[in-house]
Amino acid sequence: MCIICVELAKRAMTPAEGRRALGEMKVKLDAAHVAEVEKKLSDAEKAGATKP
């Protein structure tokens, strides 16, 4: 798992912060994981995830 996945799971990162971080990390991640992270971010946005 990458840091974005870990922080999203802990709800320590908002989806907006995750998208910003993904933009910076995309070149270092493989395409399959980028798709997985984008799905997690989309799901978090739909759920209305925010930091506690």
Protein backbone atom coordinates (compact mmCIF):
# COMPACT_ATOMS: atom_id res chain seq x y z
CA MET A 1 0.00 0.00 0.00
CA CYS A 2 1.16 3.51 -0.75
CA ILE A 3 1.02 6.43 1.68
CA ILE A 4 -2.18 7.72 0.06
CA CYS A 5 -3.94 4.40 0.67
CA VAL A 6 -2.68 4.25 4.25
CA GLU A 7 -3.72 7.81 5.07
CA LEU A 8 -7.14 7.39 3.42
CA ALA A 9 -7.73 4.21 5.41
CA LYS A 10 -6.89 6.06 8.64
CA ARG A 11 -9.08 8.99 7.49
CA ALA A 12 -6.05 11.22 8.08
CA MET A 13 -6.24 12.55 4.52
CA THR A 14 -9.23 14.00 2.71
CA PRO A 15 -10.04 12.89 -0.83
CA ALA A 16 -8.95 16.32 -2.09
CA GLU A 17 -5.58 15.95 -0.36
CA GLY A 18 -5.31 12.44 -1.76
CA ARG A 19 -5.94 13.66 -5.31
CA ARG A 20 -3.29 16.35 -4.90
CA ALA A 21 -0.81 13.78 -3.56
CA LEU A 22 -1.67 11.34 -6.35
CA GLY A 23 -0.92 14.02 -8.91
CA GLU A 24 2.58 14.29 -7.45
CA MET A 25 3.12 10.52 -7.15
CA LYS A 26 1.55 9.27 -10.41
CA VAL A 27 4.89 8.94 -12.20
CA LYS A 28 6.24 6.69 -9.42
CA LEU A 29 3.26 4.33 -9.25
CA ASP A 30 2.26 1.64 -11.73
CA ALA A 31 -0.90 2.22 -13.76
CA ALA A 32 -2.85 -0.51 -11.95
CA HIS A 33 -2.22 1.06 -8.56
CA VAL A 34 -3.07 4.54 -9.85
CA ALA A 35 -6.44 3.16 -10.97
CA GLU A 36 -6.92 1.52 -7.56
CA VAL A 37 -6.12 4.78 -5.74
CA GLU A 38 -8.44 6.75 -8.02
CA LYS A 39 -11.25 4.27 -7.19
CA LYS A 40 -10.58 4.65 -3.46
CA LEU A 41 -10.61 8.44 -3.80
CA SER A 42 -13.86 8.34 -5.76
CA ASP A 43 -15.45 6.07 -3.16
CA ALA A 44 -14.28 8.37 -0.35
CA GLU A 45 -15.71 11.41 -2.14
CA LYS A 46 -19.07 9.66 -2.55
CA ALA A 47 -19.05 8.73 1.13
CA GLY A 48 -18.25 12.33 2.06
CA ALA A 49 -15.05 11.42 3.86
CA THR A 50 -13.44 14.21 5.86
CA LYS A 51 -10.76 14.40 8.49
CA PRO A 52 -12.01 13.89 12.05
